[in-house]
Amino acid sequence: MCEQLTDLKRLLIHKKLSNFDCDKLVRLGEFISKEYVPKYFPGFSVSIYEDNKESYYFQSKYLDKDQRRTFSKDSIFRIFSMTKPIVSAAAMQLHEKGKFNLDDPVSKFIPEWNDIKVYKSGSNGTFQVEKPKRNMQMTDLFTHTAGLTYGLQKQTPVDKEYVQIGIENVVDSRGPNGALSSDEIINLLSDIPLEFSPGDHYNYSLSIDILGFIIERISGSSLEDYLNNNIFNPLGMDDTSFYLNKEKRNRFAPIYRWNIEKDAYEKLVKNKNSKIKDIDFLNKPACFSGGGGLLSTIGDYQKFGSELLNSKLGKSNLLVSEDTADLMMSNHLPNNLDMTQLSKFPLAGEEYYKGIGYGLGGSIVIDPAINPNNSFEGDFGWGGAASTLFFISPINGFSVVFMTQVLESEETRRLSKDIRTIIRGSLI
């Protein structure tokens, strides 16, 4: 294993077993520490796995800005949208069992949406609508081509209507009478038009949350129970959950938010009257967010990432089969377009998404020649709102997980490029 150590004998032994030159790879943690800590992040950890074994690991000394809490491998992080690949894999387990087809209409499982319409014009809840060109299909949920949106994006009249009804995001959705259940969210969304006809465009959205609700309806279990029984327990992901029990709360990483005016990050608080506040992960939620609700450790997420990689390489079917992994890690955007070509609205950091398509629950590199990230063709992964990152590189046989806790950081995309550049330069 490549660590920040100088045990030459161990490094030489590892070189015979790994795709990496350890003398080059050890620069990864050193570079991020020098370039990003403490200016942009209070601390971080990064891990690389090959063949279900840890090839490289580095962690900062401190978790927090005040340098009172030290990093640990079992520190627990809010992974937000890194929940999406896990829930997508869970859905594909049901697909393997013949519970749904990718071209099935979503209304087969959500009849409340049988007559859903598409936005044409209007604002403030008064909309002119039209019929969609085609039905919303299950594939559209995986690929964010369903016509759904996120209220937190606040770009359009439809976005604003999501906020108005309390669904800025599903992790923290609240109506006038409190937290919303999955059925309440589905019913509320049935009255709001889609941004566009399904399949016409890409628009990042709460569609994987809807996929999670469908998992519950198909399986007859809560999303929490389904994931525990079919992914977390089989893979030994003992510290991955939707909320923390009391015994684990001392391992919960503090979270920060980047303040553009101050050019610094500041700690989130639980005061509901504050403009910035932490989401409650200490109590069981009213519904389980398949798009952003999970907590995990770097080791637990590597168990998922490396197992998904093993499925892709035909080494294991514990998570999904090789055929299913191939299906997940193929571009499902129409006409093999990338995200920038199909996006309905401008993407933040658009240049970083050139040459990147979307598979079933994560991004997929389809043209590395036009992508600035130093990625390889077939790289699959996604990130989380608090600057976390995950990707696997099937062509090279490794998986990468990066953990920190800073929301709205402008440095996340640059960091992703730097990580990939150093890793690529360390390959033998």
Foldseek 3Di string as FASTA:
>chain_A
DQELDDPVVVQVVVVVVALFNSVLLNCLQVVCCVPDPPLPFVWKKKWKDFPNHTPYIDIDQALDPVRPHGDDLFFKEQFFQLLQVLLLLLLVVCVVVVLDDQFDALCVLVVLQVFAWAFDDDAPLDTDTHHAPDGQGNQCLQAQQALAAALCVVPDRLSVVCVVQQPNDQLGGAHPVGRDAPVRVSNSCSSGHGHHHGQQFHYDHLSQQSSQVSSCSSVVHASQVSCVVQPCVLLVQPFKGLADEPVCPVSYRWAWEQDPVVSGIDTADCPPPDPGHDRHRHDDGNGARSRGRMMGGPSSVQSVVLVLLCQCVQNDCSSHHNVSSVQQLDAPRPPPAWNCVRHPDDDVVNQQRPQWGGGRRWIFRRDVVSHLQLADHSKTWDGRQQLWTWIDDNVRRMIMTMDGHYGPRPCSSVSSSSSNVSRVVGGD
